[in-house]
Amino acid sequence: MRVIVQRVNKGAVSIDGQIVGAIGRGVVLLVGVTHGDTEAAADWLARKVAGLRIFEDADGKMNAGLLDVDGAALVISQFTLYADTRKGRRPSFIQAAPPEIAEPLVARFAEKLRGYGVPVEMGVFGAHMLVEIHNDGPVTIILEK
């Protein structure tokens, strides 16, 4: 699994002009699943995100986590994180797991994150979404398990 973590002031996801998820301060998490990914990987990544210290503390240092700043997470499934562009000009997505494998793992990741006390909003798996990301910093971190 691969998670792109973007620290945000706010984020939202909409489908056909309707907002289906929105957060204030926190992280937008773009989540990709590949073949062979497991529930253990989803659990590990959720724990990692929940404890990731990427917010400034009182001294201006990146020393605070989501819970320390009352932050939330916006989880968006994104199969394109496993695009292979080594050949030609059209990306291949054969490394992305099929929906029947990916969807439950993305849902488990979000549920585990909630279990750590992080408020979670989500996009809709497989839908064409418009994602609004107000990256703060900018801070963008790639996690992989």
N, C-alpha and C. Protein backbone atom coordinates (compact mmCIF):
# COMPACT_ATOMS: atom_id res chain seq x y z
N MET A 1 0.85 -1.18 0.00
CA MET A 1 0.00 0.00 0.00
C MET A 1 0.88 1.23 0.00
N ARG A 2 0.36 2.24 -0.60
CA ARG A 2 1.06 3.51 -0.72
C ARG A 2 0.10 4.62 -0.28
N VAL A 3 0.59 5.52 0.57
CA VAL A 3 -0.22 6.63 1.03
C VAL A 3 0.56 7.93 0.83
N ILE A 4 -0.05 8.85 0.12
CA ILE A 4 0.51 10.19 -0.01
C ILE A 4 -0.18 11.04 1.05
N VAL A 5 0.62 11.58 1.96
CA VAL A 5 0.11 12.38 3.07
C VAL A 5 0.36 13.85 2.74
N GLN A 6 -0.71 14.62 2.71
CA GLN A 6 -0.56 16.06 2.51
C GLN A 6 -1.16 16.79 3.70
N ARG A 7 -0.31 17.55 4.39
CA ARG A 7 -0.78 18.36 5.51
C ARG A 7 -1.59 19.51 4.92
N VAL A 8 -2.79 19.73 5.46
CA VAL A 8 -3.68 20.73 4.88
C VAL A 8 -4.28 21.66 5.93
N ASN A 9 -4.64 22.84 5.46
CA ASN A 9 -5.48 23.74 6.26
C ASN A 9 -6.94 23.34 6.12
N LYS A 10 -7.28 22.82 4.92
CA LYS A 10 -8.61 22.28 4.68
C LYS A 10 -8.56 21.42 3.42
N GLY A 11 -9.53 20.54 3.32
CA GLY A 11 -9.64 19.67 2.16
C GLY A 11 -11.08 19.25 1.99
N ALA A 12 -11.44 18.93 0.76
CA ALA A 12 -12.82 18.50 0.48
C ALA A 12 -12.81 17.61 -0.75
N VAL A 13 -13.83 16.78 -0.85
CA VAL A 13 -14.03 15.95 -2.03
C VAL A 13 -15.49 16.07 -2.43
N SER A 14 -15.70 16.25 -3.74
CA SER A 14 -17.07 16.36 -4.23
C SER A 14 -17.25 15.46 -5.44
N ILE A 15 -18.51 15.05 -5.62
CA ILE A 15 -18.92 14.24 -6.75
C ILE A 15 -20.14 14.90 -7.36
N ASP A 16 -20.07 15.18 -8.66
CA ASP A 16 -21.16 15.85 -9.36
C ASP A 16 -21.62 17.12 -8.65
N GLY A 17 -20.65 17.89 -8.15
CA GLY A 17 -20.95 19.16 -7.52
C GLY A 17 -21.41 19.07 -6.07
N GLN A 18 -21.53 17.87 -5.52
CA GLN A 18 -21.97 17.68 -4.14
C GLN A 18 -20.78 17.28 -3.27
N ILE A 19 -20.55 18.01 -2.19
CA ILE A 19 -19.47 17.67 -1.28
C ILE A 19 -19.85 16.40 -0.52
N VAL A 20 -18.97 15.39 -0.58
CA VAL A 20 -19.22 14.13 0.12
C VAL A 20 -18.30 13.95 1.33
N GLY A 21 -17.30 14.80 1.45
CA GLY A 21 -16.39 14.76 2.58
C GLY A 21 -15.60 16.05 2.66
N ALA A 22 -15.40 16.56 3.87
CA ALA A 22 -14.63 17.80 4.03
C ALA A 22 -14.01 17.82 5.42
N ILE A 23 -12.82 18.40 5.49
CA ILE A 23 -12.13 18.56 6.77
C ILE A 23 -11.53 19.96 6.85
N GLY A 24 -11.22 20.37 8.06
CA GLY A 24 -10.43 21.57 8.28
C GLY A 24 -8.97 21.15 8.38
N ARG A 25 -8.31 21.60 9.41
CA ARG A 25 -6.88 21.27 9.61
C ARG A 25 -6.70 19.75 9.74
N GLY A 26 -5.70 19.24 9.05
CA GLY A 26 -5.42 17.82 9.14
C GLY A 26 -4.61 17.33 7.97
N VAL A 27 -4.99 16.16 7.44
CA VAL A 27 -4.27 15.56 6.33
C VAL A 27 -5.24 15.03 5.28
N VAL A 28 -4.87 15.22 4.03
CA VAL A 28 -5.53 14.53 2.93
C VAL A 28 -4.64 13.33 2.62
N LEU A 29 -5.26 12.15 2.57
CA LEU A 29 -4.53 10.91 2.38
C LEU A 29 -4.97 10.26 1.08
N LEU A 30 -4.08 10.22 0.11
CA LEU A 30 -4.34 9.55 -1.16
C LEU A 30 -3.81 8.14 -1.01
N VAL A 31 -4.69 7.15 -1.13
CA VAL A 31 -4.36 5.77 -0.77
C VAL A 31 -4.43 4.87 -2.00
N GLY A 32 -3.31 4.19 -2.29
CA GLY A 32 -3.25 3.23 -3.39
C GLY A 32 -2.98 1.84 -2.86
N VAL A 33 -3.58 0.84 -3.52
CA VAL A 33 -3.43 -0.55 -3.11
C VAL A 33 -2.87 -1.33 -4.30
N THR A 34 -1.91 -2.20 -4.03
CA THR A 34 -1.34 -3.04 -5.07
C THR A 34 -1.57 -4.52 -4.72
N HIS A 35 -1.25 -5.38 -5.65
CA HIS A 35 -1.41 -6.81 -5.45
C HIS A 35 -0.58 -7.28 -4.25
N GLY A 36 -1.14 -8.15 -3.48
CA GLY A 36 -0.42 -8.69 -2.33
C GLY A 36 -0.53 -7.85 -1.07
N ASP A 37 -1.16 -6.69 -1.14
CA ASP A 37 -1.35 -5.90 0.07
C ASP A 37 -2.29 -6.63 1.02
N THR A 38 -2.10 -6.38 2.30
CA THR A 38 -2.83 -7.13 3.32
C THR A 38 -3.48 -6.18 4.33
N GLU A 39 -4.33 -6.76 5.17
CA GLU A 39 -4.91 -5.99 6.26
C GLU A 39 -3.82 -5.49 7.20
N ALA A 40 -2.78 -6.27 7.37
CA ALA A 40 -1.67 -5.85 8.23
C ALA A 40 -1.02 -4.58 7.70
N ALA A 41 -0.90 -4.46 6.38
CA ALA A 41 -0.32 -3.24 5.79
C ALA A 41 -1.23 -2.05 6.06
N ALA A 42 -2.54 -2.24 5.90
CA ALA A 42 -3.49 -1.16 6.16
C ALA A 42 -3.42 -0.73 7.62
N ASP A 43 -3.32 -1.70 8.52
CA ASP A 43 -3.25 -1.40 9.95
C ASP A 43 -1.97 -0.63 10.28
N TRP A 44 -0.84 -1.09 9.73
CA TRP A 44 0.45 -0.44 9.98
C TRP A 44 0.43 1.01 9.49
N LEU A 45 -0.10 1.22 8.29
CA LEU A 45 -0.15 2.57 7.73
C LEU A 45 -1.07 3.48 8.53
N ALA A 46 -2.19 2.96 9.00
CA ALA A 46 -3.10 3.77 9.82
C ALA A 46 -2.40 4.21 11.11
N ARG A 47 -1.70 3.27 11.75
CA ARG A 47 -0.95 3.59 12.97
C ARG A 47 0.12 4.64 12.69
N LYS A 48 0.80 4.49 11.55
CA LYS A 48 1.86 5.43 11.18
C LYS A 48 1.29 6.83 10.97
N VAL A 49 0.19 6.92 10.22
CA VAL A 49 -0.43 8.23 9.96
C VAL A 49 -0.91 8.86 11.26
N ALA A 50 -1.56 8.08 12.11
CA ALA A 50 -2.10 8.61 13.37
C ALA A 50 -0.99 9.21 14.25
N GLY A 51 0.19 8.64 14.18
CA GLY A 51 1.29 9.11 15.02
C GLY A 51 2.29 10.02 14.34
N LEU A 52 2.09 10.26 13.05
CA LEU A 52 3.06 11.05 12.29
C LEU A 52 3.12 12.49 12.79
N ARG A 53 4.29 12.93 13.19
CA ARG A 53 4.45 14.27 13.75
C ARG A 53 4.87 15.24 12.64
N ILE A 54 3.88 15.82 11.98
CA ILE A 54 4.15 16.72 10.86
C ILE A 54 3.51 18.10 11.05
N PHE A 55 3.01 18.35 12.27
CA PHE A 55 2.42 19.66 12.58
C PHE A 55 3.33 20.38 13.55
N GLU A 56 3.31 21.70 13.47
CA GLU A 56 4.19 22.50 14.31
C GLU A 56 3.69 22.53 15.75
N ASP A 57 4.65 22.44 16.67
CA ASP A 57 4.33 22.58 18.08
C ASP A 57 4.45 24.06 18.47
N ALA A 58 4.39 24.35 19.75
CA ALA A 58 4.45 25.74 20.22
C ALA A 58 5.77 26.41 19.87
N ASP A 59 6.82 25.62 19.64
CA ASP A 59 8.13 26.17 19.29
C ASP A 59 8.36 26.25 17.79
N GLY A 60 7.33 25.93 16.99
CA GLY A 60 7.46 26.01 15.55
C GLY A 60 8.16 24.81 14.93
N LYS A 61 8.33 23.74 15.70
CA LYS A 61 8.99 22.53 15.20
C LYS A 61 7.93 21.51 14.78
N MET A 62 8.25 20.70 13.77
CA MET A 62 7.34 19.62 13.36
C MET A 62 7.42 18.54 14.41
N ASN A 63 6.59 18.67 15.43
CA ASN A 63 6.67 17.79 16.58
C ASN A 63 5.31 17.32 17.05
N ALA A 64 4.24 17.75 16.39
CA ALA A 64 2.89 17.41 16.82
C ALA A 64 2.21 16.51 15.79
N GLY A 65 1.36 15.63 16.29
CA GLY A 65 0.60 14.73 15.42
C GLY A 65 -0.83 15.21 15.24
N LEU A 66 -1.59 14.45 14.47
CA LEU A 66 -2.99 14.79 14.20
C LEU A 66 -3.80 15.01 15.47
N LEU A 67 -3.68 14.10 16.42
CA LEU A 67 -4.46 14.22 17.64
C LEU A 67 -4.04 15.42 18.48
N ASP A 68 -2.77 15.76 18.42
CA ASP A 68 -2.26 16.91 19.18
C ASP A 68 -2.86 18.23 18.70
N VAL A 69 -3.22 18.29 17.42
CA VAL A 69 -3.73 19.54 16.85
C VAL A 69 -5.23 19.45 16.54
N ASP A 70 -5.88 18.41 17.09
CA ASP A 70 -7.31 18.18 16.80
C ASP A 70 -7.57 18.13 15.30
N GLY A 71 -6.66 17.46 14.58
CA GLY A 71 -6.77 17.36 13.12
C GLY A 71 -7.65 16.20 12.69
N ALA A 72 -8.03 16.23 11.44
CA ALA A 72 -8.87 15.19 10.83
C ALA A 72 -8.17 14.67 9.58
N ALA A 73 -8.72 13.60 9.03
CA ALA A 73 -8.16 13.00 7.81
C ALA A 73 -9.25 12.88 6.75
N LEU A 74 -8.87 13.16 5.53
CA LEU A 74 -9.73 12.95 4.37
C LEU A 74 -9.07 11.87 3.54
N VAL A 75 -9.70 10.69 3.47
CA VAL A 75 -9.14 9.52 2.79
C VAL A 75 -9.74 9.40 1.40
N ILE A 76 -8.86 9.36 0.40
CA ILE A 76 -9.27 9.26 -1.00
C ILE A 76 -8.55 8.06 -1.62
N SER A 77 -9.31 7.11 -2.14
CA SER A 77 -8.68 5.99 -2.85
C SER A 77 -8.15 6.49 -4.19
N GLN A 78 -6.96 6.03 -4.55
CA GLN A 78 -6.35 6.52 -5.79
C GLN A 78 -5.47 5.44 -6.41
N PHE A 79 -6.06 4.69 -7.34
CA PHE A 79 -5.33 3.60 -7.99
C PHE A 79 -4.16 4.11 -8.83
N THR A 80 -4.21 5.38 -9.24
CA THR A 80 -3.14 5.92 -10.10
C THR A 80 -1.80 6.03 -9.37
N LEU A 81 -1.79 5.83 -8.06
CA LEU A 81 -0.51 5.83 -7.33
C LEU A 81 0.37 4.67 -7.77
N TYR A 82 -0.23 3.68 -8.42
CA TYR A 82 0.54 2.55 -8.92
C TYR A 82 0.67 2.58 -10.44
N ALA A 83 0.68 3.76 -11.01
CA ALA A 83 0.90 3.90 -12.46
C ALA A 83 2.34 3.55 -12.81
N ASP A 84 2.51 2.83 -13.90
CA ASP A 84 3.83 2.51 -14.42
C ASP A 84 4.01 3.29 -15.71
N THR A 85 4.97 4.20 -15.70
CA THR A 85 5.20 5.07 -16.86
C THR A 85 6.56 4.82 -17.51
N ARG A 86 7.15 3.67 -17.22
CA ARG A 86 8.48 3.40 -17.76
C ARG A 86 8.49 3.23 -19.27
N LYS A 87 7.41 2.73 -19.84
CA LYS A 87 7.35 2.51 -21.28
C LYS A 87 6.24 3.37 -21.89
N GLY A 88 6.54 3.94 -23.04
CA GLY A 88 5.53 4.69 -23.77
C GLY A 88 5.07 5.94 -23.05
N ARG A 89 3.93 6.45 -23.50
CA ARG A 89 3.39 7.68 -22.94
C ARG A 89 2.08 7.48 -22.20
N ARG A 90 1.52 6.29 -22.33
CA ARG A 90 0.27 5.99 -21.63
C ARG A 90 0.60 5.14 -20.40
N PRO A 91 0.21 5.60 -19.19
CA PRO A 91 0.52 4.83 -17.99
C PRO A 91 -0.19 3.48 -18.00
N SER A 92 0.46 2.50 -17.43
CA SER A 92 -0.13 1.18 -17.20
C SER A 92 -0.52 1.11 -15.73
N PHE A 93 -1.68 0.53 -15.48
CA PHE A 93 -2.16 0.44 -14.10
C PHE A 93 -2.27 -1.01 -13.63
N ILE A 94 -1.51 -1.90 -14.24
CA ILE A 94 -1.62 -3.32 -13.88
C ILE A 94 -1.09 -3.60 -12.47
N GLN A 95 -0.32 -2.69 -11.90
CA GLN A 95 0.17 -2.88 -10.53
C GLN A 95 -0.87 -2.49 -9.49
N ALA A 96 -1.93 -1.80 -9.92
CA ALA A 96 -3.01 -1.45 -8.99
C ALA A 96 -3.88 -2.68 -8.74
N ALA A 97 -4.24 -2.89 -7.49
CA ALA A 97 -5.10 -4.03 -7.15
C ALA A 97 -6.49 -3.81 -7.71
N PRO A 98 -7.19 -4.89 -8.05
CA PRO A 98 -8.56 -4.75 -8.54
C PRO A 98 -9.48 -4.24 -7.42
N PRO A 99 -10.60 -3.63 -7.79
CA PRO A 99 -11.50 -3.03 -6.80
C PRO A 99 -11.92 -3.98 -5.68
N GLU A 100 -12.14 -5.24 -5.98
CA GLU A 100 -12.61 -6.17 -4.95
C GLU A 100 -11.55 -6.41 -3.87
N ILE A 101 -10.30 -6.12 -4.17
CA ILE A 101 -9.22 -6.21 -3.17
C ILE A 101 -8.96 -4.84 -2.56
N ALA A 102 -8.92 -3.81 -3.39
CA ALA A 102 -8.55 -2.48 -2.94
C ALA A 102 -9.60 -1.83 -2.03
N GLU A 103 -10.86 -1.93 -2.42
CA GLU A 103 -11.90 -1.22 -1.65
C GLU A 103 -11.95 -1.64 -0.19
N PRO A 104 -11.94 -2.94 0.14
CA PRO A 104 -11.97 -3.30 1.56
C PRO A 104 -10.71 -2.86 2.32
N LEU A 105 -9.58 -2.83 1.65
CA LEU A 105 -8.35 -2.41 2.33
C LEU A 105 -8.35 -0.90 2.60
N VAL A 106 -8.87 -0.12 1.68
CA VAL A 106 -8.99 1.33 1.91
C VAL A 106 -9.97 1.58 3.06
N ALA A 107 -11.08 0.85 3.07
CA ALA A 107 -12.06 0.99 4.15
C ALA A 107 -11.45 0.59 5.49
N ARG A 108 -10.68 -0.48 5.51
CA ARG A 108 -10.04 -0.93 6.75
C ARG A 108 -9.05 0.12 7.24
N PHE A 109 -8.25 0.67 6.33
CA PHE A 109 -7.30 1.73 6.67
C PHE A 109 -8.03 2.89 7.36
N ALA A 110 -9.15 3.33 6.77
CA ALA A 110 -9.91 4.45 7.34
C ALA A 110 -10.49 4.07 8.71
N GLU A 111 -11.00 2.86 8.83
CA GLU A 111 -11.59 2.43 10.09
C GLU A 111 -10.53 2.32 11.19
N LYS A 112 -9.36 1.82 10.85
CA LYS A 112 -8.27 1.75 11.83
C LYS A 112 -7.83 3.15 12.27
N LEU A 113 -7.78 4.06 11.33
CA LEU A 113 -7.44 5.45 11.64
C LEU A 113 -8.46 6.04 12.62
N ARG A 114 -9.74 5.76 12.37
CA ARG A 114 -10.78 6.20 13.31
C ARG A 114 -10.55 5.59 14.69
N GLY A 115 -10.11 4.34 14.70
CA GLY A 115 -9.86 3.65 15.95
C GLY A 115 -8.78 4.31 16.80
N TYR A 116 -7.90 5.06 16.18
CA TYR A 116 -6.88 5.81 16.91
C TYR A 116 -7.39 7.17 17.36
N GLY A 117 -8.67 7.45 17.09
CA GLY A 117 -9.26 8.71 17.53
C GLY A 117 -9.23 9.82 16.50
N VAL A 118 -8.83 9.52 15.29
CA VAL A 118 -8.76 10.54 14.24
C VAL A 118 -10.11 10.62 13.53
N PRO A 119 -10.73 11.81 13.48
CA PRO A 119 -11.95 11.95 12.69
C PRO A 119 -11.61 11.74 11.21
N VAL A 120 -12.39 10.91 10.52
CA VAL A 120 -12.10 10.57 9.13
C VAL A 120 -13.30 10.85 8.25
N GLU A 121 -13.06 11.53 7.16
CA GLU A 121 -14.02 11.71 6.08
C GLU A 121 -13.46 10.94 4.89
N MET A 122 -14.35 10.54 3.97
CA MET A 122 -13.88 9.73 2.84
C MET A 122 -14.51 10.17 1.53
N GLY A 123 -13.78 9.88 0.46
CA GLY A 123 -14.35 9.97 -0.87
C GLY A 123 -15.17 8.72 -1.13
N VAL A 124 -15.60 8.54 -2.36
CA VAL A 124 -16.38 7.37 -2.74
C VAL A 124 -15.52 6.51 -3.65
N PHE A 125 -15.28 5.28 -3.24
CA PHE A 125 -14.41 4.39 -3.99
C PHE A 125 -14.91 4.24 -5.43
N GLY A 126 -14.02 4.42 -6.39
CA GLY A 126 -14.32 4.21 -7.80
C GLY A 126 -15.04 5.35 -8.48
N ALA A 127 -15.43 6.37 -7.73
CA ALA A 127 -16.15 7.50 -8.32
C ALA A 127 -15.16 8.49 -8.93
N HIS A 128 -15.66 9.28 -9.87
CA HIS A 128 -14.87 10.40 -10.40
C HIS A 128 -15.06 11.55 -9.42
N MET A 129 -13.99 11.94 -8.74
CA MET A 129 -14.07 12.92 -7.67
C MET A 129 -13.27 14.17 -8.00
N LEU A 130 -13.73 15.27 -7.48
CA LEU A 130 -12.97 16.51 -7.51
C LEU A 130 -12.45 16.72 -6.10
N VAL A 131 -11.12 16.71 -5.95
CA VAL A 131 -10.51 16.79 -4.64
C VAL A 131 -9.87 18.17 -4.47
N GLU A 132 -10.26 18.84 -3.41
CA GLU A 132 -9.73 20.17 -3.10
C GLU A 132 -8.73 20.01 -1.95
N ILE A 133 -7.49 20.38 -2.22
CA ILE A 133 -6.42 20.21 -1.23
C ILE A 133 -5.73 21.56 -1.02
N HIS A 134 -5.80 22.06 0.20
CA HIS A 134 -5.10 23.30 0.55
C HIS A 134 -3.86 22.89 1.36
N ASN A 135 -2.83 22.47 0.63
CA ASN A 135 -1.61 21.95 1.23
C ASN A 135 -0.96 23.04 2.07
N ASP A 136 -0.64 22.71 3.30
CA ASP A 136 -0.06 23.64 4.25
C ASP A 136 1.44 23.40 4.34
N GLY A 137 2.21 24.34 3.90
CA GLY A 137 3.67 24.24 4.00
C GLY A 137 4.39 24.60 2.71
N PRO A 138 4.32 23.82 1.68
CA PRO A 138 3.62 22.55 1.56
C PRO A 138 4.37 21.42 2.24
N VAL A 139 3.60 20.51 2.83
CA VAL A 139 4.16 19.31 3.41
C VAL A 139 3.49 18.12 2.73
N THR A 140 4.29 17.30 2.05
CA THR A 140 3.81 16.10 1.38
C THR A 140 4.80 14.97 1.69
N ILE A 141 4.26 13.87 2.20
CA ILE A 141 5.10 12.74 2.61
C ILE A 141 4.53 11.47 2.00
N ILE A 142 5.43 10.60 1.53
CA ILE A 142 5.02 9.32 0.94
C ILE A 142 5.30 8.21 1.95
N LEU A 143 4.27 7.42 2.24
CA LEU A 143 4.42 6.26 3.11
C LEU A 143 4.13 5.02 2.28
N GLU A 144 4.87 3.96 2.56
CA GLU A 144 4.65 2.71 1.81
C GLU A 144 4.91 1.53 2.72
N LYS A 145 4.07 0.52 2.58
CA LYS A 145 4.25 -0.71 3.36
C LYS A 145 4.04 -1.88 2.43
